[in-house]
Amino acid sequence: MAIDHTSISVPEDKFKECVALYVKALEPLGYEIAYQFGEYTVGLGSKLDARDNYKAADFWAIGTKESGGKAHVAFRVSDRAVVDAFHAAAILGGGQDNGAPGVRAHYHPNYYAAFVLDAAGNNIEVVCHNP
């Protein structure tokens, strides 16, 4: 069993800024905008799901009139260099550092992760569990 998709809420007045960050930060993971419905619903994912021959979106941003949630989303990768690339791209894309790339041994000895906050305060993480 695996997670099929995740969505986070962001306030409409910060929606474009947050989506711009997600696009930039998740590019090293192979993500791009796969779907957009209206002005405030964007799905990011792989370019093409090879199994089913359709674009796959597993990370969704949904605009809300409220202040937005404070979600935490972690993307798993198999290479620590991708964690580093994510963090650098996210900072360039306007994200706020919430934990530079490094080992978090209090989780386990090989937990290598980086964290950034978007404009709405959502915590986006990329983690590698390999040594």
N, C-alpha and C. Protein backbone atom coordinates (compact mmCIF):
# COMPACT_ATOMS: atom_id res chain seq x y z
N MET A 1 0.84 -1.17 0.00
CA MET A 1 0.00 0.00 0.00
C MET A 1 0.88 1.24 0.00
N ALA A 2 0.44 2.27 -0.71
CA ALA A 2 1.20 3.52 -0.78
C ALA A 2 0.23 4.70 -0.81
N ILE A 3 0.71 5.86 -0.49
CA ILE A 3 -0.10 7.06 -0.58
C ILE A 3 -0.31 7.37 -2.06
N ASP A 4 -1.54 7.62 -2.45
CA ASP A 4 -1.86 7.95 -3.84
C ASP A 4 -1.62 9.42 -4.13
N HIS A 5 -2.08 10.30 -3.24
CA HIS A 5 -1.84 11.72 -3.43
C HIS A 5 -2.03 12.47 -2.11
N THR A 6 -1.50 13.68 -2.07
CA THR A 6 -1.59 14.55 -0.91
C THR A 6 -2.04 15.92 -1.40
N SER A 7 -2.86 16.59 -0.61
CA SER A 7 -3.21 17.96 -0.95
C SER A 7 -2.99 18.84 0.27
N ILE A 8 -2.64 20.08 -0.01
CA ILE A 8 -2.48 21.05 1.07
C ILE A 8 -3.30 22.28 0.70
N SER A 9 -3.77 22.95 1.72
CA SER A 9 -4.54 24.18 1.53
C SER A 9 -3.62 25.38 1.67
N VAL A 10 -3.77 26.31 0.76
CA VAL A 10 -3.04 27.58 0.86
C VAL A 10 -4.02 28.71 0.61
N PRO A 11 -3.85 29.83 1.28
CA PRO A 11 -4.77 30.94 1.07
C PRO A 11 -4.69 31.45 -0.37
N GLU A 12 -5.82 31.82 -0.92
CA GLU A 12 -5.85 32.27 -2.31
C GLU A 12 -4.89 33.43 -2.57
N ASP A 13 -4.72 34.33 -1.58
CA ASP A 13 -3.83 35.47 -1.80
C ASP A 13 -2.35 35.09 -1.83
N LYS A 14 -2.01 33.86 -1.47
CA LYS A 14 -0.63 33.38 -1.53
C LYS A 14 -0.49 32.20 -2.49
N PHE A 15 -1.56 31.88 -3.21
CA PHE A 15 -1.59 30.67 -4.03
C PHE A 15 -0.52 30.68 -5.12
N LYS A 16 -0.45 31.73 -5.91
CA LYS A 16 0.53 31.78 -7.00
C LYS A 16 1.96 31.69 -6.47
N GLU A 17 2.23 32.37 -5.38
CA GLU A 17 3.56 32.35 -4.78
C GLU A 17 3.92 30.95 -4.29
N CYS A 18 2.98 30.28 -3.67
CA CYS A 18 3.23 28.92 -3.17
C CYS A 18 3.44 27.94 -4.32
N VAL A 19 2.58 28.01 -5.35
CA VAL A 19 2.72 27.10 -6.49
C VAL A 19 4.05 27.33 -7.20
N ALA A 20 4.47 28.58 -7.34
CA ALA A 20 5.76 28.87 -7.97
C ALA A 20 6.89 28.20 -7.19
N LEU A 21 6.81 28.23 -5.86
CA LEU A 21 7.81 27.56 -5.03
C LEU A 21 7.77 26.06 -5.26
N TYR A 22 6.59 25.46 -5.26
CA TYR A 22 6.49 24.01 -5.44
C TYR A 22 7.08 23.58 -6.77
N VAL A 23 6.77 24.32 -7.82
CA VAL A 23 7.29 23.98 -9.16
C VAL A 23 8.81 24.01 -9.15
N LYS A 24 9.38 25.06 -8.60
CA LYS A 24 10.85 25.22 -8.57
C LYS A 24 11.50 24.17 -7.65
N ALA A 25 10.96 24.01 -6.47
CA ALA A 25 11.57 23.13 -5.47
C ALA A 25 11.47 21.66 -5.85
N LEU A 26 10.39 21.27 -6.50
CA LEU A 26 10.17 19.86 -6.81
C LEU A 26 10.68 19.46 -8.19
N GLU A 27 11.18 20.42 -8.95
CA GLU A 27 11.76 20.11 -10.26
C GLU A 27 12.89 19.08 -10.17
N PRO A 28 13.80 19.15 -9.17
CA PRO A 28 14.85 18.13 -9.07
C PRO A 28 14.30 16.72 -8.83
N LEU A 29 13.05 16.61 -8.38
CA LEU A 29 12.42 15.32 -8.16
C LEU A 29 11.67 14.83 -9.39
N GLY A 30 11.69 15.63 -10.47
CA GLY A 30 10.99 15.26 -11.69
C GLY A 30 9.54 15.72 -11.74
N TYR A 31 9.13 16.58 -10.82
CA TYR A 31 7.75 17.06 -10.77
C TYR A 31 7.56 18.26 -11.69
N GLU A 32 6.34 18.38 -12.17
CA GLU A 32 5.90 19.54 -12.93
C GLU A 32 4.39 19.65 -12.74
N ILE A 33 3.81 20.75 -13.22
CA ILE A 33 2.36 20.87 -13.15
C ILE A 33 1.76 19.87 -14.13
N ALA A 34 0.96 18.97 -13.60
CA ALA A 34 0.30 17.96 -14.44
C ALA A 34 -1.13 18.37 -14.76
N TYR A 35 -1.78 19.03 -13.80
CA TYR A 35 -3.17 19.46 -13.98
C TYR A 35 -3.40 20.80 -13.31
N GLN A 36 -4.30 21.58 -13.90
CA GLN A 36 -4.78 22.79 -13.24
C GLN A 36 -6.26 22.90 -13.53
N PHE A 37 -7.04 23.03 -12.47
CA PHE A 37 -8.49 23.18 -12.58
C PHE A 37 -8.86 24.53 -12.00
N GLY A 38 -9.30 25.43 -12.84
CA GLY A 38 -9.63 26.76 -12.38
C GLY A 38 -8.39 27.50 -11.92
N GLU A 39 -8.62 28.53 -11.14
CA GLU A 39 -7.52 29.39 -10.71
C GLU A 39 -6.79 28.86 -9.47
N TYR A 40 -7.46 28.02 -8.66
CA TYR A 40 -6.91 27.67 -7.36
C TYR A 40 -6.80 26.18 -7.08
N THR A 41 -6.61 25.38 -8.09
CA THR A 41 -6.37 23.94 -7.90
C THR A 41 -5.30 23.49 -8.88
N VAL A 42 -4.15 23.08 -8.34
CA VAL A 42 -3.02 22.65 -9.17
C VAL A 42 -2.53 21.31 -8.65
N GLY A 43 -2.32 20.37 -9.57
CA GLY A 43 -1.75 19.07 -9.24
C GLY A 43 -0.38 18.92 -9.87
N LEU A 44 0.61 18.61 -9.06
CA LEU A 44 1.96 18.38 -9.56
C LEU A 44 2.28 16.90 -9.50
N GLY A 45 3.08 16.44 -10.44
CA GLY A 45 3.46 15.04 -10.44
C GLY A 45 4.43 14.73 -11.56
N SER A 46 4.51 13.46 -11.87
CA SER A 46 5.43 12.99 -12.91
C SER A 46 4.91 13.40 -14.28
N LYS A 47 5.81 13.39 -15.25
CA LYS A 47 5.42 13.78 -16.59
C LYS A 47 4.41 12.81 -17.19
N LEU A 48 4.61 11.53 -16.95
CA LEU A 48 3.69 10.52 -17.48
C LEU A 48 3.81 9.26 -16.65
N ASP A 49 2.70 8.74 -16.24
CA ASP A 49 2.70 7.48 -15.52
C ASP A 49 2.81 6.36 -16.55
N ALA A 50 3.93 5.68 -16.59
CA ALA A 50 4.20 4.69 -17.62
C ALA A 50 3.23 3.52 -17.60
N ARG A 51 2.70 3.20 -16.44
CA ARG A 51 1.79 2.05 -16.34
C ARG A 51 0.45 2.32 -16.99
N ASP A 52 -0.09 3.49 -16.74
CA ASP A 52 -1.46 3.77 -17.17
C ASP A 52 -1.55 4.80 -18.29
N ASN A 53 -0.42 5.32 -18.73
CA ASN A 53 -0.36 6.26 -19.84
C ASN A 53 -1.21 7.52 -19.61
N TYR A 54 -1.13 8.08 -18.40
CA TYR A 54 -1.77 9.36 -18.13
C TYR A 54 -0.85 10.14 -17.21
N LYS A 55 -1.03 11.45 -17.18
CA LYS A 55 -0.23 12.25 -16.27
C LYS A 55 -0.66 11.94 -14.84
N ALA A 56 0.31 11.75 -13.98
CA ALA A 56 0.03 11.43 -12.59
C ALA A 56 0.33 12.66 -11.73
N ALA A 57 -0.62 13.05 -10.91
CA ALA A 57 -0.43 14.15 -9.97
C ALA A 57 -0.66 13.60 -8.57
N ASP A 58 0.38 13.67 -7.74
CA ASP A 58 0.21 13.16 -6.38
C ASP A 58 0.41 14.23 -5.32
N PHE A 59 0.67 15.47 -5.73
CA PHE A 59 0.81 16.58 -4.79
C PHE A 59 -0.05 17.73 -5.30
N TRP A 60 -1.10 18.03 -4.55
CA TRP A 60 -2.09 19.02 -4.97
C TRP A 60 -2.07 20.23 -4.04
N ALA A 61 -2.18 21.41 -4.62
CA ALA A 61 -2.36 22.65 -3.87
C ALA A 61 -3.77 23.15 -4.16
N ILE A 62 -4.51 23.42 -3.09
CA ILE A 62 -5.90 23.85 -3.19
C ILE A 62 -6.01 25.21 -2.51
N GLY A 63 -6.46 26.21 -3.26
CA GLY A 63 -6.63 27.54 -2.70
C GLY A 63 -7.87 27.62 -1.83
N THR A 64 -7.76 28.34 -0.71
CA THR A 64 -8.89 28.52 0.20
C THR A 64 -9.00 30.00 0.56
N LYS A 65 -10.18 30.39 0.94
CA LYS A 65 -10.38 31.77 1.39
C LYS A 65 -9.87 31.95 2.82
N GLU A 66 -9.74 30.84 3.56
CA GLU A 66 -9.24 30.90 4.92
C GLU A 66 -7.72 31.12 4.89
N SER A 67 -7.13 31.16 6.05
CA SER A 67 -5.70 31.44 6.15
C SER A 67 -4.83 30.28 5.69
N GLY A 68 -5.42 29.12 5.43
CA GLY A 68 -4.63 27.98 4.97
C GLY A 68 -4.21 27.10 6.13
N GLY A 69 -3.79 25.91 5.80
CA GLY A 69 -3.36 24.96 6.82
C GLY A 69 -1.87 25.04 7.04
N LYS A 70 -1.44 24.32 7.99
CA LYS A 70 0.00 24.21 8.26
C LYS A 70 0.37 22.74 8.08
N ALA A 71 0.33 22.31 6.84
CA ALA A 71 0.58 20.91 6.52
C ALA A 71 2.07 20.61 6.50
N HIS A 72 2.38 19.33 6.64
CA HIS A 72 3.74 18.82 6.47
C HIS A 72 3.66 17.69 5.45
N VAL A 73 4.42 17.85 4.36
CA VAL A 73 4.45 16.84 3.32
C VAL A 73 5.90 16.45 3.10
N ALA A 74 6.18 15.14 3.10
CA ALA A 74 7.54 14.63 2.89
C ALA A 74 7.57 13.78 1.63
N PHE A 75 8.51 14.11 0.74
CA PHE A 75 8.75 13.34 -0.47
C PHE A 75 9.96 12.45 -0.24
N ARG A 76 9.84 11.17 -0.54
CA ARG A 76 10.95 10.23 -0.38
C ARG A 76 11.73 10.12 -1.69
N VAL A 77 13.05 10.23 -1.59
CA VAL A 77 13.94 10.04 -2.74
C VAL A 77 15.01 9.03 -2.36
N SER A 78 15.74 8.53 -3.35
CA SER A 78 16.74 7.49 -3.07
C SER A 78 18.17 8.02 -3.10
N ASP A 79 18.35 9.32 -3.29
CA ASP A 79 19.69 9.90 -3.44
C ASP A 79 19.78 11.19 -2.63
N ARG A 80 20.79 11.29 -1.79
CA ARG A 80 20.96 12.49 -0.96
C ARG A 80 21.20 13.74 -1.79
N ALA A 81 21.79 13.59 -2.97
CA ALA A 81 22.03 14.75 -3.82
C ALA A 81 20.71 15.40 -4.24
N VAL A 82 19.65 14.62 -4.36
CA VAL A 82 18.34 15.17 -4.71
C VAL A 82 17.80 15.99 -3.54
N VAL A 83 18.05 15.57 -2.32
CA VAL A 83 17.66 16.35 -1.15
C VAL A 83 18.35 17.71 -1.20
N ASP A 84 19.65 17.71 -1.48
CA ASP A 84 20.40 18.96 -1.58
C ASP A 84 19.86 19.85 -2.69
N ALA A 85 19.57 19.25 -3.86
CA ALA A 85 19.06 20.01 -5.00
C ALA A 85 17.69 20.61 -4.70
N PHE A 86 16.84 19.83 -4.03
CA PHE A 86 15.53 20.34 -3.63
C PHE A 86 15.69 21.58 -2.75
N HIS A 87 16.52 21.50 -1.72
CA HIS A 87 16.66 22.61 -0.78
C HIS A 87 17.18 23.86 -1.50
N ALA A 88 18.19 23.70 -2.33
CA ALA A 88 18.75 24.85 -3.06
C ALA A 88 17.69 25.46 -3.99
N ALA A 89 16.97 24.62 -4.70
CA ALA A 89 15.95 25.11 -5.63
C ALA A 89 14.81 25.79 -4.87
N ALA A 90 14.43 25.24 -3.74
CA ALA A 90 13.34 25.81 -2.95
C ALA A 90 13.71 27.19 -2.42
N ILE A 91 14.92 27.35 -1.96
CA ILE A 91 15.37 28.66 -1.46
C ILE A 91 15.38 29.67 -2.61
N LEU A 92 15.89 29.25 -3.77
CA LEU A 92 15.89 30.13 -4.95
C LEU A 92 14.47 30.47 -5.37
N GLY A 93 13.55 29.54 -5.16
CA GLY A 93 12.16 29.75 -5.54
C GLY A 93 11.34 30.54 -4.54
N GLY A 94 11.96 30.98 -3.46
CA GLY A 94 11.27 31.82 -2.49
C GLY A 94 10.89 31.13 -1.20
N GLY A 95 11.28 29.88 -1.03
CA GLY A 95 10.99 29.17 0.21
C GLY A 95 11.84 29.66 1.36
N GLN A 96 11.34 29.47 2.56
CA GLN A 96 12.08 29.83 3.78
C GLN A 96 12.71 28.58 4.35
N ASP A 97 14.00 28.63 4.61
CA ASP A 97 14.71 27.49 5.19
C ASP A 97 14.06 27.09 6.52
N ASN A 98 13.78 25.80 6.64
CA ASN A 98 13.23 25.27 7.89
C ASN A 98 14.04 24.05 8.33
N GLY A 99 15.25 23.92 7.79
CA GLY A 99 16.13 22.80 8.13
C GLY A 99 16.97 22.45 6.92
N ALA A 100 18.23 22.86 6.94
CA ALA A 100 19.15 22.60 5.83
C ALA A 100 19.37 21.10 5.66
N PRO A 101 19.82 20.68 4.47
CA PRO A 101 20.10 19.25 4.26
C PRO A 101 21.06 18.71 5.30
N GLY A 102 20.73 17.54 5.83
CA GLY A 102 21.59 16.92 6.81
C GLY A 102 20.95 15.69 7.42
N VAL A 103 21.75 14.97 8.18
CA VAL A 103 21.28 13.76 8.86
C VAL A 103 20.50 14.16 10.11
N ARG A 104 19.37 13.53 10.29
CA ARG A 104 18.56 13.68 11.51
C ARG A 104 18.60 12.34 12.22
N ALA A 105 19.70 12.09 12.93
CA ALA A 105 19.94 10.79 13.57
C ALA A 105 18.91 10.47 14.65
N HIS A 106 18.21 11.47 15.16
CA HIS A 106 17.19 11.21 16.18
C HIS A 106 16.00 10.45 15.57
N TYR A 107 15.84 10.48 14.25
CA TYR A 107 14.83 9.65 13.57
C TYR A 107 15.39 8.26 13.30
N HIS A 108 16.52 8.22 12.60
CA HIS A 108 17.32 7.00 12.43
C HIS A 108 18.65 7.40 11.80
N PRO A 109 19.67 6.56 11.85
CA PRO A 109 21.03 6.96 11.46
C PRO A 109 21.18 7.41 10.01
N ASN A 110 20.28 7.00 9.11
CA ASN A 110 20.40 7.37 7.70
C ASN A 110 19.35 8.37 7.25
N TYR A 111 18.63 8.99 8.17
CA TYR A 111 17.56 9.93 7.81
C TYR A 111 18.20 11.25 7.38
N TYR A 112 18.29 11.45 6.07
CA TYR A 112 18.91 12.65 5.50
C TYR A 112 17.79 13.47 4.87
N ALA A 113 17.57 14.68 5.36
CA ALA A 113 16.41 15.45 4.92
C ALA A 113 16.71 16.94 4.89
N ALA A 114 15.82 17.66 4.21
CA ALA A 114 15.82 19.12 4.19
C ALA A 114 14.37 19.58 4.25
N PHE A 115 14.15 20.76 4.82
CA PHE A 115 12.81 21.28 5.04
C PHE A 115 12.75 22.75 4.60
N VAL A 116 11.63 23.13 3.97
CA VAL A 116 11.38 24.53 3.65
C VAL A 116 9.91 24.85 3.95
N LEU A 117 9.67 26.11 4.26
CA LEU A 117 8.31 26.59 4.46
C LEU A 117 7.89 27.39 3.24
N ASP A 118 6.64 27.20 2.81
CA ASP A 118 6.11 28.03 1.74
C ASP A 118 5.53 29.30 2.35
N ALA A 119 4.98 30.17 1.52
CA ALA A 119 4.46 31.46 1.98
C ALA A 119 3.28 31.30 2.93
N ALA A 120 2.60 30.15 2.89
CA ALA A 120 1.47 29.90 3.77
C ALA A 120 1.87 29.21 5.07
N GLY A 121 3.15 28.86 5.22
CA GLY A 121 3.63 28.21 6.43
C GLY A 121 3.61 26.69 6.36
N ASN A 122 3.29 26.12 5.20
CA ASN A 122 3.34 24.66 5.05
C ASN A 122 4.78 24.20 4.99
N ASN A 123 5.07 23.09 5.65
CA ASN A 123 6.42 22.54 5.74
C ASN A 123 6.59 21.44 4.68
N ILE A 124 7.48 21.69 3.72
CA ILE A 124 7.73 20.73 2.65
C ILE A 124 9.10 20.11 2.92
N GLU A 125 9.15 18.78 2.92
CA GLU A 125 10.37 18.03 3.23
C GLU A 125 10.70 17.08 2.09
N VAL A 126 11.99 16.88 1.86
CA VAL A 126 12.45 15.80 1.00
C VAL A 126 13.43 14.99 1.85
N VAL A 127 13.24 13.65 1.85
CA VAL A 127 14.02 12.78 2.71
C VAL A 127 14.59 11.60 1.93
N CYS A 128 15.82 11.23 2.28
CA CYS A 128 16.46 10.02 1.76
C CYS A 128 16.78 9.15 2.97
N HIS A 129 16.38 7.88 2.91
CA HIS A 129 16.61 6.95 4.02
C HIS A 129 17.84 6.07 3.78
N ASN A 130 18.50 6.25 2.65
CA ASN A 130 19.68 5.44 2.31
C ASN A 130 20.95 6.03 2.90
N PRO A 131 21.93 5.17 3.21
CA PRO A 131 23.20 5.69 3.72
C PRO A 131 23.95 6.51 2.66
